[in-house]
Amino acid sequence: MRLVRDASGAATGQGAGAEGGPEGQRAEGGLLGSWSATRWQYTSRAQLTVDVVCDLGGTVTLSVSAGSYVLTWSVAGQASRSVGGALAVAGDRIALRPQGADQAEAVTYRLAGETLALSSDASQWDFDGSGEEPAAFVAVLVRL
């Protein structure tokens, strides 16, 4: 799951990873609801890190309903943005396909009580303003 910067420098949500639509079952009951990120971190292969919440002063909220999601975020000094689309669960993976996208992004998830952890080794982030580079992604969210 990635937030990337568009030409104006604002962050935008993008899907990447598995081709085609999400396959699997609709969101399980434990995933349903709204979640707020306490960590939303990208790490480059060179071990550069950026945490949208802690380092950039941002907020990230994920709302999950049966078969769909809405991801909303804001970074200090920028307008709030959101993306939504189809969601499916298969085992310990969540496939998210933004509306209008041809590809879904699969992230691994772990649910422990009121905490949701997401991770992916196939994300991207623009660490220095010179364009996106491959990055690992880790997020920790708490139920609202």
C-alpha atoms as a PDB file:
ATOM      1  CA  MET A   1       0.000   0.000   0.000  1.00  0.00           C
ATOM      2  CA  ARG A   2       1.626   3.181  -0.981  1.00  0.00           C
ATOM      3  CA  LEU A   3       1.169   6.894  -0.916  1.00  0.00           C
ATOM      4  CA  VAL A   4       3.195   8.571  -3.651  1.00  0.00           C
ATOM      5  CA  ARG A   5       3.735  12.158  -4.670  1.00  0.00           C
ATOM      6  CA  ASP A   6       2.039  13.448  -7.811  1.00  0.00           C
ATOM      7  CA  ALA A   7       3.532  16.150 -10.063  1.00  0.00           C
ATOM      8  CA  SER A   8       2.408  18.889  -7.647  1.00  0.00           C
ATOM      9  CA  GLY A   9       4.230  17.210  -4.742  1.00  0.00           C
ATOM     10  CA  ALA A  10       1.028  16.022  -3.055  1.00  0.00           C
ATOM     11  CA  ALA A  11       0.732  12.417  -1.917  1.00  0.00           C
ATOM     12  CA  THR A  12      -1.588  10.153  -3.911  1.00  0.00           C
ATOM     13  CA  GLY A  13      -2.651   6.559  -3.299  1.00  0.00           C
ATOM     14  CA  GLN A  14      -1.542   3.957  -5.810  1.00  0.00           C
ATOM     15  CA  GLY A  15      -2.054   0.257  -6.193  1.00  0.00           C
ATOM     16  CA  ALA A  16       0.792  -1.983  -7.242  1.00  0.00           C
ATOM     17  CA  GLY A  17       1.580  -5.635  -7.183  1.00  0.00           C
ATOM     18  CA  ALA A  18      -0.733  -8.437  -8.266  1.00  0.00           C
ATOM     19  CA  GLU A  19      -2.379  -7.993 -11.641  1.00  0.00           C
ATOM     20  CA  GLY A  20      -6.127  -8.051 -12.072  1.00  0.00           C
ATOM     21  CA  GLY A  21      -8.794  -7.548  -9.436  1.00  0.00           C
ATOM     22  CA  PRO A  22      -8.724  -8.620  -5.850  1.00  0.00           C
ATOM     23  CA  GLU A  23      -9.499 -12.282  -5.467  1.00  0.00           C
ATOM     24  CA  GLY A  24     -10.625 -14.007  -2.309  1.00  0.00           C
ATOM     25  CA  GLN A  25     -13.330 -13.391   0.218  1.00  0.00           C
ATOM     26  CA  ARG A  26     -14.818 -10.127   1.375  1.00  0.00           C
ATOM     27  CA  ALA A  27     -13.340  -8.526   4.473  1.00  0.00           C
ATOM     28  CA  GLU A  28     -13.688 -10.593   7.612  1.00  0.00           C
ATOM     29  CA  GLY A  29     -15.707  -9.139  10.503  1.00  0.00           C
ATOM     30  CA  GLY A  30     -12.584  -8.312  12.529  1.00  0.00           C
ATOM     31  CA  LEU A  31     -11.267  -6.066   9.760  1.00  0.00           C
ATOM     32  CA  LEU A  32     -14.500  -4.133   9.293  1.00  0.00           C
ATOM     33  CA  GLY A  33     -14.556  -0.582  10.600  1.00  0.00           C
ATOM     34  CA  SER A  34     -12.255   2.418  10.723  1.00  0.00           C
ATOM     35  CA  TRP A  35      -8.562   2.350  11.602  1.00  0.00           C
ATOM     36  CA  SER A  36      -6.102   5.150  12.388  1.00  0.00           C
ATOM     37  CA  ALA A  37      -2.387   4.734  11.688  1.00  0.00           C
ATOM     38  CA  THR A  38       0.136   5.242  14.472  1.00  0.00           C
ATOM     39  CA  ARG A  39       2.896   4.204  12.052  1.00  0.00           C
ATOM     40  CA  TRP A  40       2.985   4.298   8.213  1.00  0.00           C
ATOM     41  CA  GLN A  41       6.614   3.699   7.310  1.00  0.00           C
ATOM     42  CA  TYR A  42       8.561   3.086   4.118  1.00  0.00           C
ATOM     43  CA  THR A  43      12.153   1.753   4.100  1.00  0.00           C
ATOM     44  CA  SER A  44      14.358   1.864   1.009  1.00  0.00           C
ATOM     45  CA  ARG A  45      16.866  -0.788   0.010  1.00  0.00           C
ATOM     46  CA  ALA A  46      19.554   1.672   1.185  1.00  0.00           C
ATOM     47  CA  GLN A  47      17.799   1.683   4.592  1.00  0.00           C
ATOM     48  CA  LEU A  48      16.432   5.231   4.271  1.00  0.00           C
ATOM     49  CA  THR A  49      13.146   5.503   6.164  1.00  0.00           C
ATOM     50  CA  VAL A  50      10.205   7.863   6.227  1.00  0.00           C
ATOM     51  CA  ASP A  51       7.165   7.531   8.461  1.00  0.00           C
ATOM     52  CA  VAL A  52       4.199   9.504   7.127  1.00  0.00           C
ATOM     53  CA  VAL A  53       2.725   9.790  10.642  1.00  0.00           C
ATOM     54  CA  CYS A  54       5.801  10.354  12.832  1.00  0.00           C
ATOM     55  CA  ASP A  55       8.246  12.048  10.442  1.00  0.00           C
ATOM     56  CA  LEU A  56       5.860  14.048   8.243  1.00  0.00           C
ATOM     57  CA  GLY A  57       3.194  14.826  10.862  1.00  0.00           C
ATOM     58  CA  GLY A  58       0.553  13.105   8.755  1.00  0.00           C
ATOM     59  CA  THR A  59      -2.623  11.239   9.547  1.00  0.00           C
ATOM     60  CA  VAL A  60      -3.770   8.089   7.761  1.00  0.00           C
ATOM     61  CA  THR A  61      -7.201   6.481   8.170  1.00  0.00           C
ATOM     62  CA  LEU A  62      -8.342   3.212   6.607  1.00  0.00           C
ATOM     63  CA  SER A  63     -12.066   2.412   6.523  1.00  0.00           C
ATOM     64  CA  VAL A  64     -13.013  -1.159   5.624  1.00  0.00           C
ATOM     65  CA  SER A  65     -16.443  -2.493   4.705  1.00  0.00           C
ATOM     66  CA  ALA A  66     -17.453  -5.783   3.113  1.00  0.00           C
ATOM     67  CA  GLY A  67     -15.679  -5.809  -0.257  1.00  0.00           C
ATOM     68  CA  SER A  68     -14.412  -2.205  -0.252  1.00  0.00           C
ATOM     69  CA  TYR A  69     -12.075   0.274   1.423  1.00  0.00           C
ATOM     70  CA  VAL A  70     -11.373   3.993   1.655  1.00  0.00           C
ATOM     71  CA  LEU A  71      -7.879   5.228   2.523  1.00  0.00           C
ATOM     72  CA  THR A  72      -7.708   8.880   3.621  1.00  0.00           C
ATOM     73  CA  TRP A  73      -4.553  10.783   4.530  1.00  0.00           C
ATOM     74  CA  SER A  74      -3.193  14.225   5.079  1.00  0.00           C
ATOM     75  CA  VAL A  75       0.332  15.512   5.539  1.00  0.00           C
ATOM     76  CA  ALA A  76       1.087  18.759   7.350  1.00  0.00           C
ATOM     77  CA  GLY A  77       0.792  21.681   4.951  1.00  0.00           C
ATOM     78  CA  GLN A  78      -1.073  19.687   2.272  1.00  0.00           C
ATOM     79  CA  ALA A  79      -4.726  19.040   1.534  1.00  0.00           C
ATOM     80  CA  SER A  80      -6.365  15.825   2.675  1.00  0.00           C
ATOM     81  CA  ARG A  81      -6.610  13.119  -0.011  1.00  0.00           C
ATOM     82  CA  SER A  82      -8.356   9.788  -0.340  1.00  0.00           C
ATOM     83  CA  VAL A  83      -8.599   6.729  -2.544  1.00  0.00           C
ATOM     84  CA  GLY A  84     -11.054   3.853  -2.419  1.00  0.00           C
ATOM     85  CA  GLY A  85     -11.859   0.670  -4.222  1.00  0.00           C
ATOM     86  CA  ALA A  86     -12.338  -3.072  -3.975  1.00  0.00           C
ATOM     87  CA  LEU A  87     -10.918  -5.175  -1.158  1.00  0.00           C
ATOM     88  CA  ALA A  88     -10.649  -8.945  -0.750  1.00  0.00           C
ATOM     89  CA  VAL A  89      -9.053 -11.163   1.895  1.00  0.00           C
ATOM     90  CA  ALA A  90      -7.230 -14.428   1.149  1.00  0.00           C
ATOM     91  CA  GLY A  91      -5.482 -16.038   4.107  1.00  0.00           C
ATOM     92  CA  ASP A  92      -3.182 -13.469   5.705  1.00  0.00           C
ATOM     93  CA  ARG A  93      -3.255 -11.170   2.655  1.00  0.00           C
ATOM     94  CA  ILE A  94      -5.483  -8.258   1.745  1.00  0.00           C
ATOM     95  CA  ALA A  95      -5.797  -7.299  -1.935  1.00  0.00           C
ATOM     96  CA  LEU A  96      -6.713  -3.658  -2.536  1.00  0.00           C
ATOM     97  CA  ARG A  97      -7.595  -2.362  -5.990  1.00  0.00           C
ATOM     98  CA  PRO A  98      -8.157   1.395  -6.251  1.00  0.00           C
ATOM     99  CA  GLN A  99     -11.223   2.384  -8.247  1.00  0.00           C
ATOM    100  CA  GLY A 100     -10.325   2.589 -11.926  1.00  0.00           C
ATOM    101  CA  ALA A 101      -7.026   0.714 -11.486  1.00  0.00           C
ATOM    102  CA  ASP A 102      -6.141  -2.418 -13.422  1.00  0.00           C
ATOM    103  CA  GLN A 103      -3.917  -3.817 -10.691  1.00  0.00           C
ATOM    104  CA  ALA A 104      -4.418  -4.669  -7.042  1.00  0.00           C
ATOM    105  CA  GLU A 105      -1.813  -4.374  -4.329  1.00  0.00           C
ATOM    106  CA  ALA A 106      -1.510  -7.256  -1.886  1.00  0.00           C
ATOM    107  CA  VAL A 107      -0.390  -6.552   1.667  1.00  0.00           C
ATOM    108  CA  THR A 108       0.106  -8.987   4.515  1.00  0.00           C
ATOM    109  CA  TYR A 109      -2.012  -8.271   7.563  1.00  0.00           C
ATOM    110  CA  ARG A 110      -2.109  -9.329  11.181  1.00  0.00           C
ATOM    111  CA  LEU A 111      -5.007  -8.525  13.483  1.00  0.00           C
ATOM    112  CA  ALA A 112      -4.441  -8.575  17.250  1.00  0.00           C
ATOM    113  CA  GLY A 113      -7.360  -7.246  19.261  1.00  0.00           C
ATOM    114  CA  GLU A 114      -7.839  -3.607  18.335  1.00  0.00           C
ATOM    115  CA  THR A 115      -4.545  -3.357  16.399  1.00  0.00           C
ATOM    116  CA  LEU A 116      -4.058  -4.010  12.682  1.00  0.00           C
ATOM    117  CA  ALA A 117      -0.560  -4.427  11.211  1.00  0.00           C
ATOM    118  CA  LEU A 118       0.053  -4.194   7.451  1.00  0.00           C
ATOM    119  CA  SER A 119       3.254  -4.923   5.553  1.00  0.00           C
ATOM    120  CA  SER A 120       4.597  -5.345   2.045  1.00  0.00           C
ATOM    121  CA  ASP A 121       8.035  -5.782   0.486  1.00  0.00           C
ATOM    122  CA  ALA A 122       6.740  -4.495  -2.870  1.00  0.00           C
ATOM    123  CA  SER A 123       5.902  -0.854  -2.266  1.00  0.00           C
ATOM    124  CA  GLN A 124       7.535   2.405  -3.387  1.00  0.00           C
ATOM    125  CA  TRP A 125       8.290   5.864  -2.012  1.00  0.00           C
ATOM    126  CA  ASP A 126      10.022   9.002  -3.241  1.00  0.00           C
ATOM    127  CA  PHE A 127      12.628   9.459  -0.506  1.00  0.00           C
ATOM    128  CA  ASP A 128      14.529  12.428  -1.938  1.00  0.00           C
ATOM    129  CA  GLY A 129      12.259  14.057  -4.534  1.00  0.00           C
ATOM    130  CA  SER A 130      13.992  12.357  -7.464  1.00  0.00           C
ATOM    131  CA  GLY A 131      11.297   9.758  -8.120  1.00  0.00           C
ATOM    132  CA  GLU A 132       9.944   6.616  -6.567  1.00  0.00           C
ATOM    133  CA  GLU A 133      12.167   3.746  -5.599  1.00  0.00           C
ATOM    134  CA  PRO A 134      11.342   0.285  -4.270  1.00  0.00           C
ATOM    135  CA  ALA A 135      10.577   0.229  -0.566  1.00  0.00           C
ATOM    136  CA  ALA A 136       9.308  -2.043   2.152  1.00  0.00           C
ATOM    137  CA  PHE A 137       6.117  -0.834   3.824  1.00  0.00           C
ATOM    138  CA  VAL A 138       4.963  -1.323   7.433  1.00  0.00           C
ATOM    139  CA  ALA A 139       1.912   0.203   9.095  1.00  0.00           C
ATOM    140  CA  VAL A 140       0.328  -0.133  12.506  1.00  0.00           C
ATOM    141  CA  LEU A 141      -3.266   1.018  12.903  1.00  0.00           C
ATOM    142  CA  VAL A 142      -5.629   1.111  15.864  1.00  0.00           C
ATOM    143  CA  ARG A 143      -9.389   0.735  15.675  1.00  0.00           C
ATOM    144  CA  LEU A 144     -11.332   3.987  15.951  1.00  0.00           C
END
